[in-house]
N, C-alpha and C. Protein backbone atom coordinates (compact mmCIF):
# COMPACT_ATOMS: atom_id res chain seq x y z
N MET A 1 80.94 105.05 -128.05
CA MET A 1 81.57 104.66 -129.55
C MET A 1 82.23 103.26 -129.18
N GLN A 2 81.89 102.32 -130.12
CA GLN A 2 82.63 101.13 -130.19
C GLN A 2 83.92 101.18 -130.68
N PRO A 3 85.11 100.64 -130.14
CA PRO A 3 86.31 100.52 -130.62
C PRO A 3 86.17 99.94 -132.15
N ASP A 4 87.28 100.09 -133.07
CA ASP A 4 87.04 99.80 -134.52
C ASP A 4 88.23 98.35 -134.50
N TYR A 5 87.87 97.22 -134.56
CA TYR A 5 88.56 96.29 -134.74
C TYR A 5 88.11 95.02 -135.73
N VAL A 6 88.95 94.59 -136.10
CA VAL A 6 88.78 93.41 -137.09
C VAL A 6 89.03 92.14 -136.41
N TRP A 7 88.09 90.97 -136.42
CA TRP A 7 88.03 89.75 -135.77
C TRP A 7 88.87 88.82 -136.91
N ARG A 8 89.87 88.29 -136.61
CA ARG A 8 90.55 87.60 -137.36
C ARG A 8 91.00 86.13 -136.50
N GLY A 9 90.39 84.79 -137.20
CA GLY A 9 90.42 83.68 -136.45
C GLY A 9 90.44 82.66 -137.50
N GLU A 10 90.13 81.42 -137.24
CA GLU A 10 89.96 80.36 -137.87
C GLU A 10 88.74 79.85 -137.47
N ILE A 11 87.97 79.28 -138.31
CA ILE A 11 86.76 78.67 -138.16
C ILE A 11 86.65 77.04 -138.62
N PRO A 12 86.38 76.30 -137.96
CA PRO A 12 86.55 74.80 -138.34
C PRO A 12 85.88 74.57 -139.32
N VAL A 13 86.20 73.56 -140.41
CA VAL A 13 85.45 73.16 -141.41
C VAL A 13 84.77 71.90 -141.02
N SER A 14 85.07 71.00 -140.17
CA SER A 14 84.39 69.74 -139.99
C SER A 14 84.04 69.80 -138.31
N ASN A 15 83.15 69.10 -137.97
CA ASN A 15 82.83 68.96 -136.63
C ASN A 15 84.23 68.07 -135.96
N PRO A 16 83.99 68.30 -134.60
CA PRO A 16 84.73 67.70 -133.78
C PRO A 16 84.51 66.13 -133.68
N THR A 17 85.56 65.21 -133.79
CA THR A 17 85.41 63.91 -133.72
C THR A 17 85.28 63.20 -132.48
N THR A 18 85.47 64.04 -131.21
CA THR A 18 85.24 63.44 -130.02
C THR A 18 83.96 62.86 -129.92
N PRO A 19 83.87 61.62 -129.55
CA PRO A 19 82.10 61.35 -128.97
C PRO A 19 81.50 62.28 -128.01
N ALA A 20 80.24 62.53 -128.18
CA ALA A 20 79.51 62.95 -127.31
C ALA A 20 79.51 62.95 -125.79
N ALA A 21 79.91 61.63 -125.44
CA ALA A 21 79.77 61.14 -123.96
C ALA A 21 81.11 61.59 -123.61
N ASP A 22 82.24 61.72 -124.36
CA ASP A 22 83.51 61.90 -123.88
C ASP A 22 83.87 63.70 -123.72
N ARG A 23 83.17 64.53 -124.08
CA ARG A 23 83.46 66.02 -124.35
C ARG A 23 82.32 66.79 -123.47
N ARG A 24 83.13 67.80 -122.95
CA ARG A 24 82.71 68.35 -121.81
C ARG A 24 81.48 69.39 -122.88
N ALA A 25 80.47 69.98 -122.18
CA ALA A 25 79.46 70.50 -122.57
C ALA A 25 79.98 72.09 -122.98
N VAL A 26 79.79 72.50 -124.10
CA VAL A 26 80.07 73.86 -124.76
C VAL A 26 78.79 74.84 -124.59
N VAL A 27 78.97 76.02 -123.55
CA VAL A 27 78.00 76.80 -123.50
C VAL A 27 78.11 78.35 -123.76
N LEU A 28 77.45 78.63 -124.79
CA LEU A 28 77.60 80.19 -125.24
C LEU A 28 76.66 80.96 -124.20
N VAL A 29 77.40 82.03 -123.40
CA VAL A 29 76.58 82.92 -122.23
C VAL A 29 76.40 84.24 -123.52
N VAL A 30 75.24 84.84 -123.78
CA VAL A 30 75.34 86.07 -124.63
C VAL A 30 74.26 86.87 -123.65
N THR A 31 75.27 88.06 -123.07
CA THR A 31 74.08 89.21 -122.30
C THR A 31 75.42 90.30 -122.40
N ALA A 32 74.67 91.69 -122.41
CA ALA A 32 75.43 92.93 -122.43
C ALA A 32 75.68 93.01 -121.14
N ASP A 33 75.35 92.67 -119.97
CA ASP A 33 75.73 92.46 -118.53
C ASP A 33 77.04 91.82 -118.31
N ASP A 34 78.05 92.48 -117.99
CA ASP A 34 79.42 92.07 -118.01
C ASP A 34 79.46 91.40 -116.86
N ASP A 35 78.80 91.68 -115.39
CA ASP A 35 78.98 91.29 -114.26
C ASP A 35 78.24 89.73 -114.28
N LEU A 36 77.19 89.65 -114.93
CA LEU A 36 76.45 88.25 -115.21
C LEU A 36 77.07 87.77 -116.03
N ARG A 37 77.66 88.20 -117.30
CA ARG A 37 78.50 87.20 -117.98
C ARG A 37 79.77 86.43 -117.41
N ALA A 38 80.47 87.55 -116.38
CA ALA A 38 82.06 86.97 -115.99
C ALA A 38 81.41 85.81 -114.71
N ALA A 39 80.24 86.06 -114.15
CA ALA A 39 79.71 85.37 -112.92
C ALA A 39 78.97 84.00 -113.45
N ALA A 40 78.40 84.34 -114.59
CA ALA A 40 77.97 82.90 -115.24
C ALA A 40 79.14 82.01 -115.71
N ALA A 41 79.77 82.77 -116.41
CA ALA A 41 81.19 81.71 -116.92
C ALA A 41 82.10 81.12 -115.70
N ARG A 42 82.23 81.89 -114.62
CA ARG A 42 82.76 81.21 -113.70
C ARG A 42 82.05 80.07 -113.02
N ALA A 43 80.41 79.97 -112.57
CA ALA A 43 80.01 79.39 -112.47
C ALA A 43 79.80 77.84 -113.00
N LEU A 44 79.78 78.07 -114.70
CA LEU A 44 79.67 77.21 -115.34
C LEU A 44 80.99 76.44 -115.50
N GLU A 45 82.18 77.25 -115.34
CA GLU A 45 83.52 76.71 -115.65
C GLU A 45 83.81 75.86 -114.56
N CYS A 46 83.54 76.10 -113.18
CA CYS A 46 83.82 75.62 -112.23
C CYS A 46 82.57 73.95 -112.17
N GLU A 47 81.93 73.83 -112.76
CA GLU A 47 81.19 72.78 -113.06
C GLU A 47 81.66 71.71 -114.38
N GLY A 48 82.83 72.12 -114.97
CA GLY A 48 82.97 71.49 -115.86
C GLY A 48 83.29 71.61 -117.42
N HIS A 49 82.22 73.04 -117.46
CA HIS A 49 81.66 73.11 -119.06
C HIS A 49 82.67 74.04 -119.58
N VAL A 50 82.68 74.10 -120.71
CA VAL A 50 83.45 74.94 -121.78
C VAL A 50 82.56 75.98 -122.17
N VAL A 51 82.94 77.24 -121.60
CA VAL A 51 82.41 78.40 -121.52
C VAL A 51 82.89 79.21 -122.71
N ILE A 52 81.91 80.05 -123.53
CA ILE A 52 82.20 81.14 -124.40
C ILE A 52 81.24 82.12 -124.39
N THR A 53 82.23 83.00 -124.24
CA THR A 53 80.91 84.52 -123.84
C THR A 53 81.18 85.44 -125.10
N ALA A 54 79.61 86.19 -124.83
CA ALA A 54 79.53 87.53 -125.89
C ALA A 54 78.78 88.17 -125.71
N ALA A 55 79.18 89.53 -125.92
CA ALA A 55 78.40 90.44 -125.57
C ALA A 55 77.01 90.94 -126.32
N HIS A 56 77.07 90.64 -127.42
CA HIS A 56 76.05 90.88 -128.24
C HIS A 56 75.69 89.72 -129.60
N ALA A 57 74.63 89.53 -130.26
CA ALA A 57 74.40 88.67 -131.21
C ALA A 57 75.62 88.56 -132.14
N GLY A 58 76.02 89.61 -132.93
CA GLY A 58 77.01 89.50 -133.80
C GLY A 58 78.42 88.73 -133.18
N HIS A 59 78.99 89.11 -132.04
CA HIS A 59 79.86 88.22 -131.17
C HIS A 59 79.35 86.96 -131.02
N ALA A 60 78.16 86.66 -130.83
CA ALA A 60 77.96 85.07 -130.56
C ALA A 60 77.76 84.46 -131.61
N VAL A 61 77.58 84.95 -132.87
CA VAL A 61 77.57 84.25 -134.31
C VAL A 61 79.00 83.77 -134.29
N LEU A 62 79.96 84.77 -134.16
CA LEU A 62 81.13 84.89 -134.41
C LEU A 62 81.70 83.47 -133.75
N ALA A 63 81.30 83.40 -132.25
CA ALA A 63 82.08 82.70 -131.51
C ALA A 63 81.43 81.27 -131.62
N CYS A 64 80.31 81.38 -132.06
CA CYS A 64 79.97 80.19 -132.39
C CYS A 64 80.39 79.44 -133.84
N LEU A 65 80.72 80.19 -134.81
CA LEU A 65 81.40 79.69 -135.88
C LEU A 65 82.79 79.30 -135.43
N LYS A 66 83.48 80.04 -134.29
CA LYS A 66 84.85 79.61 -134.24
C LYS A 66 85.03 78.41 -133.26
N ALA A 67 83.93 78.39 -132.45
CA ALA A 67 83.87 77.03 -131.63
C ALA A 67 83.77 75.68 -132.10
N GLY A 68 82.67 76.09 -133.43
CA GLY A 68 82.61 74.79 -134.28
C GLY A 68 81.21 74.04 -133.63
N HIS A 69 80.98 74.14 -132.09
CA HIS A 69 79.80 73.32 -131.49
C HIS A 69 79.48 74.04 -130.39
N VAL A 70 78.18 74.33 -130.28
CA VAL A 70 77.82 74.61 -129.10
C VAL A 70 76.38 74.20 -128.70
N ASP A 71 76.48 73.38 -127.47
CA ASP A 71 75.69 72.49 -126.73
C ASP A 71 74.47 73.40 -126.28
N VAL A 72 74.60 74.33 -125.47
CA VAL A 72 73.94 75.32 -124.93
C VAL A 72 73.87 76.70 -124.95
N LEU A 73 73.09 77.58 -125.36
CA LEU A 73 72.94 78.87 -125.52
C LEU A 73 72.19 79.70 -124.30
N ALA A 74 73.03 80.11 -123.43
CA ALA A 74 72.32 80.85 -122.37
C ALA A 74 72.34 82.35 -122.80
N ALA A 75 71.39 82.74 -122.66
CA ALA A 75 71.30 84.39 -123.40
C ALA A 75 70.05 84.97 -122.79
N GLU A 76 70.17 86.47 -122.64
CA GLU A 76 69.19 87.05 -122.29
C GLU A 76 67.93 87.17 -123.35
N LEU A 77 66.83 87.08 -122.63
CA LEU A 77 65.47 86.58 -123.47
C LEU A 77 65.34 88.04 -124.20
N SER A 78 65.46 89.34 -123.92
CA SER A 78 65.42 90.16 -124.69
C SER A 78 66.56 91.42 -124.45
N MET A 79 67.20 91.37 -125.74
CA MET A 79 68.50 92.00 -125.73
C MET A 79 68.43 93.49 -126.76
N ASP A 80 69.54 94.41 -126.70
CA ASP A 80 69.21 95.33 -127.61
C ASP A 80 69.22 95.26 -128.81
N ASP A 81 70.00 94.07 -129.50
CA ASP A 81 70.08 94.15 -130.81
C ASP A 81 69.36 92.85 -131.58
N VAL A 82 68.71 92.19 -130.50
CA VAL A 82 68.02 90.90 -131.24
C VAL A 82 67.38 90.12 -130.08
N SER A 83 66.27 89.34 -130.09
CA SER A 83 65.66 88.88 -129.10
C SER A 83 66.21 87.45 -128.96
N GLY A 84 66.51 86.77 -127.41
CA GLY A 84 67.07 85.56 -127.47
C GLY A 84 66.93 84.57 -128.23
N PRO A 85 65.24 84.42 -128.36
CA PRO A 85 64.88 83.23 -129.32
C PRO A 85 65.21 83.62 -130.97
N ALA A 86 65.48 84.58 -131.55
CA ALA A 86 65.68 84.82 -132.75
C ALA A 86 67.01 84.44 -132.52
N LEU A 87 68.06 84.64 -131.72
CA LEU A 87 69.64 84.59 -131.96
C LEU A 87 69.85 83.01 -131.89
N ALA A 88 68.77 82.42 -131.18
CA ALA A 88 69.10 80.96 -131.17
C ALA A 88 68.54 80.16 -132.52
N ALA A 89 67.63 80.85 -133.19
CA ALA A 89 67.42 80.31 -134.66
C ALA A 89 68.35 80.57 -135.19
N ARG A 90 69.10 81.90 -135.61
CA ARG A 90 70.23 81.93 -136.03
C ARG A 90 71.56 80.87 -135.92
N LEU A 91 71.76 80.58 -134.49
CA LEU A 91 72.67 80.05 -134.39
C LEU A 91 72.40 78.30 -134.56
N ARG A 92 71.17 77.82 -134.54
CA ARG A 92 70.80 76.60 -134.93
C ARG A 92 70.94 76.22 -136.43
N ARG A 93 71.32 77.29 -137.23
CA ARG A 93 71.90 77.29 -138.63
C ARG A 93 73.10 76.26 -138.48
N PHE A 94 74.24 76.57 -137.39
CA PHE A 94 75.40 76.12 -137.19
C PHE A 94 75.28 74.64 -136.45
N CYS A 95 74.66 74.84 -135.43
CA CYS A 95 74.23 73.79 -134.31
C CYS A 95 72.87 73.59 -134.21
N PRO A 96 72.64 72.53 -134.86
CA PRO A 96 71.02 72.34 -134.87
C PRO A 96 70.48 71.58 -133.45
N ALA A 97 71.43 70.88 -132.84
CA ALA A 97 70.74 70.29 -131.63
C ALA A 97 71.19 71.00 -130.13
N MET A 98 71.38 72.26 -130.43
CA MET A 98 71.54 73.29 -129.47
C MET A 98 70.47 73.41 -128.65
N SER A 99 70.56 73.42 -127.06
CA SER A 99 69.52 73.61 -126.26
C SER A 99 69.53 75.07 -125.75
N THR A 100 68.76 75.46 -124.97
CA THR A 100 68.35 76.96 -124.96
C THR A 100 68.17 77.11 -123.28
N VAL A 101 68.79 78.32 -122.80
CA VAL A 101 68.15 78.66 -121.31
C VAL A 101 68.40 80.33 -121.34
N TYR A 102 67.24 80.73 -121.09
CA TYR A 102 67.15 82.44 -121.16
C TYR A 102 66.97 83.02 -119.98
N PHE A 103 67.61 84.35 -119.94
CA PHE A 103 67.49 85.01 -118.55
C PHE A 103 66.71 85.99 -118.86
N GLY A 104 65.68 85.94 -118.02
CA GLY A 104 64.75 87.04 -118.00
C GLY A 104 64.71 88.05 -116.77
N ASN A 105 63.85 89.01 -117.12
CA ASN A 105 64.03 90.26 -116.04
C ASN A 105 63.06 89.96 -115.06
N ALA A 106 63.03 90.38 -113.97
CA ALA A 106 61.92 90.23 -112.95
C ALA A 106 60.52 90.52 -113.26
N GLY A 107 59.48 89.58 -113.19
CA GLY A 107 58.32 90.25 -113.80
C GLY A 107 58.03 89.47 -115.43
N THR A 108 59.15 88.89 -115.64
CA THR A 108 58.70 88.01 -116.99
C THR A 108 57.92 86.91 -116.69
N ALA A 109 56.94 86.63 -117.50
CA ALA A 109 56.03 85.54 -117.24
C ALA A 109 56.82 84.08 -117.22
N GLU A 110 56.17 83.35 -116.37
CA GLU A 110 56.85 82.16 -116.07
C GLU A 110 56.56 81.05 -117.62
N CYS A 111 57.56 80.69 -117.97
CA CYS A 111 57.68 79.81 -118.93
C CYS A 111 58.94 78.98 -118.88
N ASP A 112 58.65 78.04 -120.03
CA ASP A 112 59.83 76.96 -119.89
C ASP A 112 61.01 77.59 -120.74
N GLY A 113 62.37 77.07 -120.11
CA GLY A 113 63.58 77.55 -120.46
C GLY A 113 63.83 79.07 -120.27
N VAL A 114 63.21 79.45 -119.36
CA VAL A 114 63.50 80.77 -118.67
C VAL A 114 63.99 80.92 -117.21
N VAL A 115 65.09 81.29 -116.84
CA VAL A 115 65.48 81.74 -115.54
C VAL A 115 65.31 83.24 -115.17
N VAL A 116 64.55 83.42 -114.27
CA VAL A 116 63.82 84.84 -114.05
C VAL A 116 65.14 85.21 -113.03
N ARG A 117 65.48 86.82 -112.99
CA ARG A 117 66.13 87.20 -112.08
C ARG A 117 65.30 87.95 -110.88
N PRO A 118 65.99 87.86 -110.10
CA PRO A 118 67.13 87.57 -109.63
C PRO A 118 67.06 85.85 -109.37
N PHE A 119 68.23 85.25 -109.79
CA PHE A 119 68.60 83.87 -109.52
C PHE A 119 70.04 83.34 -109.17
N THR A 120 70.15 82.36 -108.72
CA THR A 120 71.19 82.11 -107.98
C THR A 120 72.22 81.21 -108.88
N ARG A 121 73.14 80.90 -108.46
CA ARG A 121 74.23 80.18 -108.94
C ARG A 121 73.74 78.67 -109.18
N ASN A 122 73.02 78.32 -108.38
CA ASN A 122 72.18 76.76 -108.46
C ASN A 122 71.22 76.72 -109.25
N ASP A 123 70.50 77.78 -109.36
CA ASP A 123 69.54 78.23 -110.81
C ASP A 123 70.14 77.89 -111.83
N LEU A 124 71.13 78.52 -112.04
CA LEU A 124 71.58 78.62 -113.55
C LEU A 124 72.01 77.28 -113.70
N LEU A 125 72.89 76.61 -112.65
CA LEU A 125 73.50 75.45 -113.28
C LEU A 125 72.23 74.25 -113.25
N ALA A 126 71.41 74.29 -112.34
CA ALA A 126 70.11 73.45 -112.73
C ALA A 126 69.44 73.66 -113.98
N ALA A 127 69.63 74.80 -114.61
CA ALA A 127 68.78 75.02 -115.83
C ALA A 127 69.80 74.64 -116.84
N VAL A 128 71.15 74.88 -116.83
CA VAL A 128 72.07 74.21 -117.73
C VAL A 128 72.13 72.63 -118.23
N ALA A 129 72.16 72.13 -116.68
CA ALA A 129 72.24 70.75 -116.61
C ALA A 129 70.81 70.20 -117.17
N LEU A 130 69.71 70.87 -116.94
CA LEU A 130 68.46 70.10 -117.58
C LEU A 130 68.72 70.22 -119.22
N ALA A 131 69.00 71.45 -119.72
CA ALA A 131 69.25 71.86 -120.99
C ALA A 131 70.18 70.74 -121.73
N THR A 132 71.19 70.47 -121.15
CA THR A 132 72.11 69.46 -121.75
C THR A 132 71.49 68.20 -121.51
N ALA A 133 70.67 67.84 -120.55
CA ALA A 133 69.75 66.44 -120.48
C ALA A 133 68.87 66.27 -121.45
N GLY A 134 68.41 67.51 -122.24
CA GLY A 134 67.38 67.48 -123.37
C GLY A 134 66.23 67.86 -122.75
N ALA A 135 66.13 68.52 -121.42
CA ALA A 135 64.74 68.94 -120.77
C ALA A 135 64.44 70.38 -120.67
N THR A 136 63.50 70.65 -120.32
CA THR A 136 63.26 72.36 -120.32
C THR A 136 63.09 72.71 -118.73
N VAL A 137 63.38 73.85 -118.27
CA VAL A 137 63.16 74.42 -116.97
C VAL A 137 62.52 75.60 -116.95
N SER A 138 61.57 75.55 -115.95
CA SER A 138 60.58 76.72 -115.91
C SER A 138 60.93 77.64 -114.84
N ALA A 139 60.48 78.82 -114.76
CA ALA A 139 61.00 79.77 -114.06
C ALA A 139 60.69 79.37 -112.52
N SER A 140 59.88 78.66 -112.39
CA SER A 140 59.69 78.19 -110.84
C SER A 140 60.70 76.95 -110.68
N GLY A 141 61.55 76.49 -111.22
CA GLY A 141 62.75 75.68 -111.19
C GLY A 141 62.25 74.19 -111.01
N THR A 142 61.07 74.14 -111.81
CA THR A 142 60.44 72.47 -111.90
C THR A 142 60.92 72.38 -113.45
N SER A 143 61.24 71.17 -113.50
CA SER A 143 61.86 70.76 -114.83
C SER A 143 60.67 69.83 -115.64
N ARG A 144 60.85 69.62 -116.72
CA ARG A 144 59.76 69.04 -117.50
C ARG A 144 60.56 68.15 -118.75
N ARG A 145 60.76 66.97 -119.03
CA ARG A 145 61.11 66.51 -119.84
C ARG A 145 60.28 65.94 -121.19
N PRO A 146 60.89 66.22 -122.33
CA PRO A 146 60.10 66.46 -123.59
C PRO A 146 59.42 64.91 -123.63
N SER A 147 58.09 65.01 -124.28
CA SER A 147 57.27 63.75 -124.28
C SER A 147 57.99 62.85 -125.55
N ALA A 148 58.02 61.56 -125.46
CA ALA A 148 58.45 60.81 -126.45
C ALA A 148 56.72 60.61 -127.21
N ARG A 149 56.94 61.06 -128.81
CA ARG A 149 55.68 60.60 -129.32
C ARG A 149 55.98 59.78 -130.51
């Protein structure tokens, strides 16, 4: 049973005025796995990212609203309450330029934007670095830049 509580906080009305080049990337990590969430937050914070964590989609939406801007969503490909891509679609209403990195379980088909377990700290950092640069990452670790059309 989950504890009953009410979130009370401030939600910014306007976007921050800090130029994109001067600010650190904001990464929202969403997974029910407490250990993965904590380890990912530590690794990303050590690289200079601003990290926000959430255990499920509801908290992720609130965290996104409270932060005002999210550059990268790092979430489970499949969660109990919603899929990672469905969560990304919800959050893109508030942060249209947000990139995504998904955590897939072992046996997940290789595809762009998915880091398959087991993965290392360096795999996660590389995926987030590519996402912040506007590229996608495949499960094999190869990167691909979006084609200019």
